[in-house]
């Protein structure tokens, strides 16, 4: 429930409907990947919603699809390239 609340609070009110649909597409992609590969995938925030040094937003350009193991390895960190 806390995570869901953080995600809602991190979703800007100025997103347009197409951007909200893009966000939903990420979750649909994870389901499709799971069905086709048998591997669990999840939607990851590139910049975490609650990081130690920065906090990201729940917006399409801050999302990526990762395997659950890769996401766990990343933890709640922002890795600059």
Protein backbone atom coordinates (compact mmCIF):
# COMPACT_ATOMS: atom_id res chain seq x y z
CA UNK A 1 0.00 0.00 0.00
CA UNK A 2 2.88 2.38 0.78
CA UNK A 3 4.50 1.68 -2.58
CA UNK A 4 1.21 2.23 -4.39
CA UNK A 5 0.82 5.55 -2.56
CA UNK A 6 4.34 6.65 -3.50
CA UNK A 7 3.64 5.78 -7.14
CA UNK A 8 0.40 7.79 -7.10
CA UNK A 9 2.13 10.76 -5.49
CA UNK A 10 4.98 10.49 -8.01
CA UNK A 11 2.62 10.53 -11.02
CA UNK A 12 2.42 14.15 -12.23
CA UNK A 13 -1.04 15.59 -12.88
CA UNK A 14 0.22 17.13 -16.14
CA UNK A 15 0.71 13.80 -17.95
CA UNK A 16 -1.45 13.54 -21.04
CA UNK A 17 -3.63 10.46 -21.68
CA UNK A 18 -1.14 9.06 -24.23
CA UNK A 19 1.62 9.15 -21.61
CA UNK A 20 -0.60 7.39 -19.07
CA UNK A 21 -1.26 4.74 -21.73
CA UNK A 22 2.51 4.38 -22.26
CA UNK A 23 2.87 3.65 -18.56
CA UNK A 24 0.18 0.96 -18.79
CA UNK A 25 1.98 -0.49 -21.83
CA UNK A 26 5.07 -1.16 -19.71
CA UNK A 27 3.00 -3.34 -17.38
CA UNK A 28 1.42 -5.17 -20.33
CA UNK A 29 4.89 -5.82 -21.78
CA UNK A 30 6.02 -7.44 -18.52
CA UNK A 31 3.01 -9.77 -18.63
CA UNK A 32 3.74 -10.71 -22.25
CA UNK A 33 7.44 -11.34 -21.54
CA UNK A 34 6.50 -13.55 -18.58
CA UNK A 35 4.05 -15.56 -20.74
CA UNK A 36 6.52 -16.08 -23.58
CA UNK A 37 9.70 -16.71 -21.58
CA UNK A 38 8.54 -18.08 -18.23
CA UNK A 39 10.83 -15.54 -16.56
CA UNK A 40 9.40 -12.97 -14.16
CA UNK A 41 9.77 -9.39 -15.34
CA UNK A 42 8.88 -6.13 -13.62
CA UNK A 43 8.62 -2.44 -14.37
CA UNK A 44 11.54 -0.58 -12.83
CA UNK A 45 11.96 3.12 -12.19
CA UNK A 46 15.31 4.17 -13.64
CA UNK A 47 15.50 6.93 -11.05
CA UNK A 48 13.88 5.41 -7.93
CA UNK A 49 10.72 6.96 -6.51
CA UNK A 50 12.50 7.15 -3.16
CA UNK A 51 16.24 7.11 -3.61
CA UNK A 52 18.88 8.24 -1.13
CA UNK A 53 20.09 11.16 -3.25
CA UNK A 54 17.35 11.68 -5.87
CA UNK A 55 13.66 10.86 -6.29
CA UNK A 56 12.17 10.12 -9.68
CA UNK A 57 8.70 10.43 -11.11
CA UNK A 58 6.27 7.76 -12.29
CA UNK A 59 6.48 8.82 -15.95
CA UNK A 60 7.12 6.80 -19.13
CA UNK A 61 10.65 8.11 -19.66
CA UNK A 62 11.64 6.93 -16.16
CA UNK A 63 10.49 3.34 -16.69
CA UNK A 64 12.21 0.24 -18.01
CA UNK A 65 11.41 -3.47 -18.08
CA UNK A 66 13.85 -5.67 -16.18
CA UNK A 67 13.89 -9.24 -15.03
CA UNK A 68 13.05 -9.53 -11.35
CA UNK A 69 16.59 -10.73 -10.63
CA UNK A 70 18.13 -7.73 -12.42
CA UNK A 71 15.77 -5.40 -10.58
CA UNK A 72 16.68 -6.96 -7.22
CA UNK A 73 20.37 -6.58 -8.06
CA UNK A 74 19.83 -2.91 -8.90
CA UNK A 75 17.90 -2.45 -5.65
CA UNK A 76 16.75 1.13 -5.04
CA UNK A 77 19.76 2.80 -6.66
CA UNK A 78 20.22 5.23 -9.49
CA UNK A 79 23.17 4.13 -11.58
CA UNK A 80 24.54 7.01 -13.62
CA UNK A 81 26.16 6.06 -16.88
